[in-house]
Amino acid sequence: MTILVTGATGTQGGAVARALLARGKPVRALVRDPHAASARTLEQAGAMLAVGRFEDSASLRTALSGVDALFSVQTAPGAERDGERMQARALIDAARTENVRHVVHSSVSNSGAFRSMEGWAEGRWERNYWESKADAEAIVGDAGFSVHTILRPAFMMDNFAMPKAAWMFPDLAQGAIRTALAPETPMVLIAADDIARMACAAFEAPPAFAGQIIELAGDLLTLPEIAGVLATVKGRKLVSESWNADALIARGQHDGWVRTQEWMNIVNYPARPEEMLDWGIEPTSFTDWARRHADMIDIGAQEDNERN
């Protein structure tokens, strides 16, 4: 069974591609630039590269030709309001044209219940983000595949590793985590490798996963607890500070990410580790994840921490 993996040079898709290859599955990785280092690494690991773009339907059909199954993930909407919807539609239309039978689609935790969450009716949260996620799920679910599965991961542990951490936690390299999260708010965390494990399970047992919608979380920790884990793993001082949201934005943190931190304080992701256990998968704890990725976590040199 040949599986096309989208987002193969990104965090989720890359984890899925590596996990499938480790299980001996034929993997075709959709890439924009086959000469990029991340694409060459996948090729060296055994993946077949398929050059394609969501904006080019012919390239998607070529990439999907002869493929049995598809891992689908798209970029959340940004400057292009309908970007995620257009990507999902182009990919799924091409998959149907090429008679793909099985699709595992990655969305986000809470995408099925956002209209009932506190603050939604008042317009407090970014409506297009949630509606776009739901629309992409519907595009997959309504396409008529023999089997489809929706995964809804929470906040990825991998966001604390470089290079993502430089954008999401810009003070981490100076020995601090500064967010709008309240000290008591738990971050609902999932390792990218666990998303991959669940995707692999779905591909390996289609009847069991047909039509399933699965919330994914591996651990729940407050930011002070997270800071404690990272400090222990790295052997360096790390502090966690709760800031006013507007102050964080004023000093350069991305508005959408800071508002998500506020959303976590009030609503938060409903995913819990017990659901992965229900599927027979032991989720990765944040401590175990941090130990495995210690070389990708930058909280600065000890002498720098002491000066700050």
Protein backbone atom coordinates (compact mmCIF):
# COMPACT_ATOMS: atom_id res chain seq x y z
CA MET A 1 0.00 0.00 0.00
CA THR A 2 1.59 3.24 -1.17
CA ILE A 3 0.77 6.26 1.00
CA LEU A 4 1.13 9.89 -0.07
CA VAL A 5 2.10 12.14 2.81
CA THR A 6 1.41 15.86 2.53
CA GLY A 7 3.31 18.31 4.72
CA ALA A 8 6.15 15.79 4.56
CA THR A 9 8.85 18.39 5.20
CA GLY A 10 6.91 19.82 8.16
CA THR A 11 6.50 18.64 11.73
CA GLN A 12 3.40 16.45 11.43
CA GLY A 13 3.86 15.15 7.91
CA GLY A 14 7.55 14.52 8.51
CA ALA A 15 6.78 12.47 11.61
CA VAL A 16 4.16 10.46 9.72
CA ALA A 17 6.50 9.81 6.79
CA ARG A 18 9.31 8.64 9.08
CA ALA A 19 6.98 6.40 11.09
CA LEU A 20 5.56 4.77 7.97
CA LEU A 21 9.02 4.20 6.52
CA ALA A 22 10.13 2.64 9.81
CA ARG A 23 7.25 0.18 9.43
CA GLY A 24 8.33 -0.70 5.91
CA LYS A 25 5.46 1.11 4.17
CA PRO A 26 6.01 2.60 0.70
CA VAL A 27 5.85 6.37 1.17
CA ARG A 28 5.47 9.06 -1.45
CA ALA A 29 6.25 12.49 0.01
CA LEU A 30 4.66 15.57 -1.50
CA VAL A 31 7.31 18.32 -1.66
CA ARG A 32 7.62 21.67 -3.35
CA ASP A 33 11.40 21.59 -3.70
CA PRO A 34 13.02 18.16 -4.11
CA HIS A 35 16.44 19.73 -3.58
CA ALA A 36 15.65 21.13 -0.13
CA ALA A 37 17.60 19.52 2.70
CA SER A 38 14.43 18.23 4.38
CA ALA A 39 13.25 16.62 1.14
CA ARG A 40 16.62 15.00 0.48
CA THR A 41 16.63 13.60 4.03
CA LEU A 42 13.27 11.94 3.39
CA GLU A 43 14.50 10.55 0.10
CA GLN A 44 17.60 9.13 1.76
CA ALA A 45 15.33 7.48 4.34
CA GLY A 46 13.51 5.69 1.55
CA ALA A 47 10.64 7.98 0.58
CA MET A 48 9.76 8.61 -3.04
CA LEU A 49 9.49 12.33 -3.72
CA ALA A 50 6.53 13.74 -5.60
CA VAL A 51 6.91 17.36 -6.60
CA GLY A 52 3.62 19.19 -6.32
CA ARG A 53 1.74 22.22 -5.06
CA PHE A 54 -1.79 22.63 -3.79
CA GLU A 55 -2.21 25.40 -6.35
CA ASP A 56 -1.42 23.00 -9.21
CA SER A 57 -4.13 20.36 -9.54
CA ALA A 58 -2.25 18.50 -12.28
CA SER A 59 0.77 18.04 -10.01
CA LEU A 60 -1.49 16.73 -7.25
CA ARG A 61 -3.07 14.17 -9.57
CA THR A 62 0.37 13.03 -10.69
CA ALA A 63 1.52 12.72 -7.08
CA LEU A 64 -1.59 10.69 -6.21
CA SER A 65 -1.51 8.41 -9.25
CA GLY A 66 -1.30 4.81 -8.09
CA VAL A 67 -1.57 5.79 -4.43
CA ASP A 68 -3.75 3.74 -2.10
CA ALA A 69 -3.89 6.07 0.92
CA LEU A 70 -3.29 9.69 1.84
CA PHE A 71 -2.18 11.59 4.92
CA SER A 72 -3.77 15.02 4.63
CA VAL A 73 -2.69 18.13 6.51
CA GLN A 74 -2.92 21.76 5.46
CA THR A 75 -1.64 25.10 6.67
CA ALA A 76 -4.01 27.02 8.93
CA PRO A 77 -5.50 30.13 7.32
CA GLY A 78 -3.31 33.21 7.40
CA ALA A 79 -3.27 36.17 5.04
CA GLU A 80 -5.24 34.06 2.56
CA ARG A 81 -8.54 33.60 4.37
CA ASP A 82 -9.59 30.56 2.36
CA GLY A 83 -6.13 29.07 1.89
CA GLU A 84 -6.75 25.98 4.02
CA ARG A 85 -10.11 25.32 2.39
CA MET A 86 -8.65 25.66 -1.12
CA GLN A 87 -5.75 23.35 -0.27
CA ALA A 88 -8.07 20.73 1.20
CA ARG A 89 -10.46 20.93 -1.75
CA ALA A 90 -7.69 20.67 -4.34
CA LEU A 91 -6.07 17.72 -2.58
CA ILE A 92 -9.28 15.80 -1.95
CA ASP A 93 -10.61 16.39 -5.46
CA ALA A 94 -7.34 15.04 -6.87
CA ALA A 95 -7.47 12.06 -4.50
CA ARG A 96 -11.00 11.19 -5.61
CA THR A 97 -10.02 11.54 -9.27
CA GLU A 98 -7.12 9.12 -8.71
CA ASN A 99 -9.30 6.63 -6.80
CA VAL A 100 -7.53 6.89 -3.46
CA ARG A 101 -9.37 4.66 -1.01
CA HIS A 102 -8.19 5.73 2.45
CA VAL A 103 -7.56 9.20 3.92
CA VAL A 104 -6.26 10.16 7.36
CA HIS A 105 -6.73 13.89 7.87
CA SER A 106 -5.13 15.95 10.65
CA SER A 107 -7.16 18.87 12.00
CA VAL A 108 -7.09 20.34 15.53
CA SER A 109 -8.57 19.52 18.91
CA ASN A 110 -11.98 21.12 19.56
CA SER A 111 -12.82 21.63 15.88
CA GLY A 112 -16.13 19.85 16.39
CA ALA A 113 -17.44 21.92 19.29
CA PHE A 114 -16.18 25.45 18.76
CA ARG A 115 -19.60 27.04 18.23
CA SER A 116 -20.58 26.19 21.79
CA MET A 117 -17.40 27.39 23.48
CA GLU A 118 -17.43 30.34 25.84
CA GLY A 119 -16.90 33.64 24.02
CA TRP A 120 -17.85 32.35 20.55
CA ALA A 121 -21.21 34.10 20.33
CA GLU A 122 -19.59 37.36 21.40
CA GLY A 123 -17.02 37.09 18.60
CA ARG A 124 -14.10 36.87 20.99
CA TRP A 125 -12.19 34.19 19.06
CA GLU A 126 -10.94 34.06 15.48
CA ARG A 127 -13.96 32.64 13.69
CA ASN A 128 -12.29 31.87 10.39
CA TYR A 129 -9.63 29.68 12.01
CA TRP A 130 -12.20 27.33 13.53
CA GLU A 131 -14.62 27.44 10.62
CA SER A 132 -11.78 26.72 8.20
CA LYS A 133 -10.73 23.66 10.22
CA ALA A 134 -14.31 22.39 10.27
CA ASP A 135 -14.73 23.00 6.54
CA ALA A 136 -11.55 21.05 5.74
CA GLU A 137 -12.80 18.15 7.85
CA ALA A 138 -16.14 18.26 6.02
CA ILE A 139 -14.40 18.21 2.64
CA VAL A 140 -12.69 14.97 3.66
CA GLY A 141 -15.73 13.43 5.32
CA ASP A 142 -18.13 14.21 2.47
CA ALA A 143 -15.86 13.03 -0.35
CA GLY A 144 -17.00 9.42 -0.25
CA PHE A 145 -13.71 7.65 0.42
CA SER A 146 -13.93 3.98 1.35
CA VAL A 147 -12.28 4.88 4.67
CA HIS A 148 -11.49 8.20 6.27
CA THR A 149 -10.27 9.10 9.74
CA ILE A 150 -10.04 12.55 11.35
CA LEU A 151 -7.29 13.22 13.90
CA ARG A 152 -7.61 16.24 16.15
CA PRO A 153 -4.26 16.94 17.86
CA ALA A 154 -3.84 19.47 20.65
CA PHE A 155 -0.76 21.71 21.13
CA MET A 156 2.38 20.06 19.83
CA MET A 157 5.24 19.48 22.23
CA ASP A 158 7.51 20.03 19.25
CA ASN A 159 6.72 23.76 19.42
CA PHE A 160 9.20 23.93 22.30
CA ALA A 161 11.99 22.69 20.02
CA MET A 162 13.93 24.67 17.46
CA PRO A 163 13.23 26.06 14.95
CA LYS A 164 9.57 26.59 15.98
CA ALA A 165 10.43 27.70 19.51
CA ALA A 166 12.28 30.75 18.19
CA TRP A 167 8.93 32.12 16.98
CA MET A 168 6.51 30.72 19.55
CA PHE A 169 8.65 31.17 22.66
CA PRO A 170 11.17 33.86 21.68
CA ASP A 171 12.48 34.30 25.23
CA LEU A 172 13.23 30.61 25.71
CA ALA A 173 16.81 30.95 24.48
CA GLN A 174 17.35 33.61 27.19
CA GLY A 175 16.05 31.33 29.94
CA ALA A 176 12.40 32.43 30.16
CA ILE A 177 8.97 31.45 28.89
CA ARG A 178 6.73 34.51 28.71
CA THR A 179 3.11 34.01 27.69
CA ALA A 180 -0.41 35.19 28.49
CA LEU A 181 -1.19 31.80 30.01
CA ALA A 182 -2.23 31.86 33.64
CA PRO A 183 0.09 29.84 35.92
CA GLU A 184 -2.71 27.36 36.62
CA THR A 185 -3.75 26.83 32.99
CA PRO A 186 -2.72 23.39 31.70
CA MET A 187 -1.23 23.13 28.24
CA VAL A 188 -2.78 20.15 26.48
CA LEU A 189 0.21 18.60 24.75
CA ILE A 190 0.82 16.02 22.03
CA ALA A 191 4.07 14.80 20.48
CA ALA A 192 4.23 14.85 16.68
CA ASP A 193 5.50 11.29 16.85
CA ASP A 194 2.27 10.30 18.62
CA ILE A 195 0.20 11.88 15.84
CA ALA A 196 2.26 9.71 13.50
CA ARG A 197 1.68 6.59 15.61
CA MET A 198 -2.06 7.13 15.48
CA ALA A 199 -1.96 7.77 11.73
CA CYS A 200 0.01 4.57 11.23
CA ALA A 201 -2.50 2.64 13.34
CA ALA A 202 -5.32 3.98 11.17
CA PHE A 203 -3.54 3.01 7.95
CA GLU A 204 -2.80 -0.47 9.31
CA ALA A 205 -6.37 -1.20 10.50
CA PRO A 206 -8.79 0.63 8.20
CA PRO A 207 -12.02 -1.07 9.39
CA ALA A 208 -11.37 -0.13 13.03
CA PHE A 209 -10.69 3.51 12.19
CA ALA A 210 -13.30 4.07 9.47
CA GLY A 211 -15.27 7.24 10.17
CA GLN A 212 -13.53 7.80 13.51
CA ILE A 213 -12.79 11.26 14.90
CA ILE A 214 -10.01 11.06 17.48
CA GLU A 215 -8.85 13.79 19.84
CA LEU A 216 -5.11 13.53 20.53
CA ALA A 217 -3.26 14.53 23.69
CA GLY A 218 -0.34 12.99 25.53
CA ASP A 219 0.12 15.16 28.62
CA LEU A 220 -1.33 18.10 30.55
CA LEU A 221 1.11 20.45 32.28
CA THR A 222 1.08 24.07 33.38
CA LEU A 223 3.83 26.33 32.05
CA PRO A 224 5.63 26.40 35.42
CA GLU A 225 5.65 22.59 35.27
CA ILE A 226 6.86 22.67 31.66
CA ALA A 227 9.63 25.07 32.61
CA GLY A 228 10.63 22.73 35.41
CA VAL A 229 10.86 19.77 33.04
CA LEU A 230 12.93 21.67 30.49
CA ALA A 231 15.22 23.08 33.17
CA THR A 232 15.85 19.61 34.56
CA VAL A 233 16.46 18.06 31.14
CA LYS A 234 18.85 20.82 30.08
CA GLY A 235 20.43 21.34 33.49
CA ARG A 236 19.85 25.09 33.31
CA LYS A 237 17.69 27.72 34.97
CA LEU A 238 14.37 28.48 33.27
CA VAL A 239 11.58 30.71 34.54
CA SER A 240 7.95 30.94 33.48
CA GLU A 241 6.18 34.32 33.52
CA SER A 242 2.55 35.28 32.87
CA TRP A 243 2.25 38.59 31.04
CA ASN A 244 -0.56 40.85 29.91
CA ALA A 245 -1.54 39.88 26.37
CA ASP A 246 -1.28 43.39 24.96
CA ALA A 247 2.18 43.80 26.47
CA LEU A 248 3.35 40.60 24.78
CA ILE A 249 2.02 41.77 21.44
CA ALA A 250 3.63 45.18 21.89
CA ARG A 251 7.02 43.55 22.38
CA GLY A 252 6.67 41.51 19.20
CA GLN A 253 4.79 38.29 19.88
CA HIS A 254 2.31 37.36 17.15
CA ASP A 255 -1.19 38.60 17.87
CA GLY A 256 -2.92 35.37 16.83
CA TRP A 257 -0.67 33.20 18.98
CA VAL A 258 -1.12 35.45 22.04
CA ARG A 259 -4.92 35.40 21.59
CA THR A 260 -4.70 31.60 21.46
CA GLN A 261 -2.99 31.71 24.84
CA GLU A 262 -5.94 33.72 26.17
CA TRP A 263 -8.27 31.13 24.63
CA MET A 264 -6.43 28.38 26.49
CA ASN A 265 -7.11 30.19 29.77
CA ILE A 266 -10.85 30.24 29.10
CA VAL A 267 -11.72 27.32 26.79
CA ASN A 268 -8.69 25.12 26.05
CA TYR A 269 -8.37 21.89 24.08
CA PRO A 270 -10.69 19.05 25.15
CA ALA A 271 -8.28 16.29 24.08
CA ARG A 272 -7.06 14.01 26.87
CA PRO A 273 -4.43 11.23 26.96
CA GLU A 274 -7.07 8.64 27.87
CA GLU A 275 -8.40 8.64 24.31
CA MET A 276 -5.08 7.46 22.90
CA LEU A 277 -5.00 4.77 25.58
CA ASP A 278 -8.46 3.67 24.43
CA TRP A 279 -6.86 2.94 21.04
CA GLY A 280 -4.07 0.93 22.63
CA ILE A 281 -1.38 3.61 22.23
CA GLU A 282 0.60 4.74 25.27
CA PRO A 283 1.06 8.50 24.80
CA THR A 284 4.42 10.18 25.17
CA SER A 285 4.82 12.29 28.31
CA PHE A 286 6.33 15.74 27.98
CA THR A 287 9.27 14.63 30.12
CA ASP A 288 10.04 11.74 27.78
CA TRP A 289 9.62 13.98 24.74
CA ALA A 290 12.00 16.59 26.19
CA ARG A 291 14.63 13.97 26.95
CA ARG A 292 14.46 12.62 23.41
CA HIS A 293 14.68 16.09 21.86
CA ALA A 294 17.07 17.74 24.31
CA ASP A 295 19.51 18.64 21.52
CA MET A 296 16.77 20.66 19.79
CA ILE A 297 15.74 22.62 22.90
CA ASP A 298 17.56 25.91 23.39
CA ILE A 299 17.22 27.63 26.75
CA GLY A 300 20.56 29.41 26.52
CA ALA A 301 23.92 28.86 28.12
CA GLN A 302 24.03 28.76 31.92
CA GLU A 303 26.13 31.93 32.14
CA ASP A 304 23.61 33.77 29.95
CA ASN A 305 20.76 32.65 32.19
CA GLU A 306 22.56 33.89 35.27
CA ARG A 307 23.03 37.35 33.74
CA ASN A 308 19.31 37.75 32.91
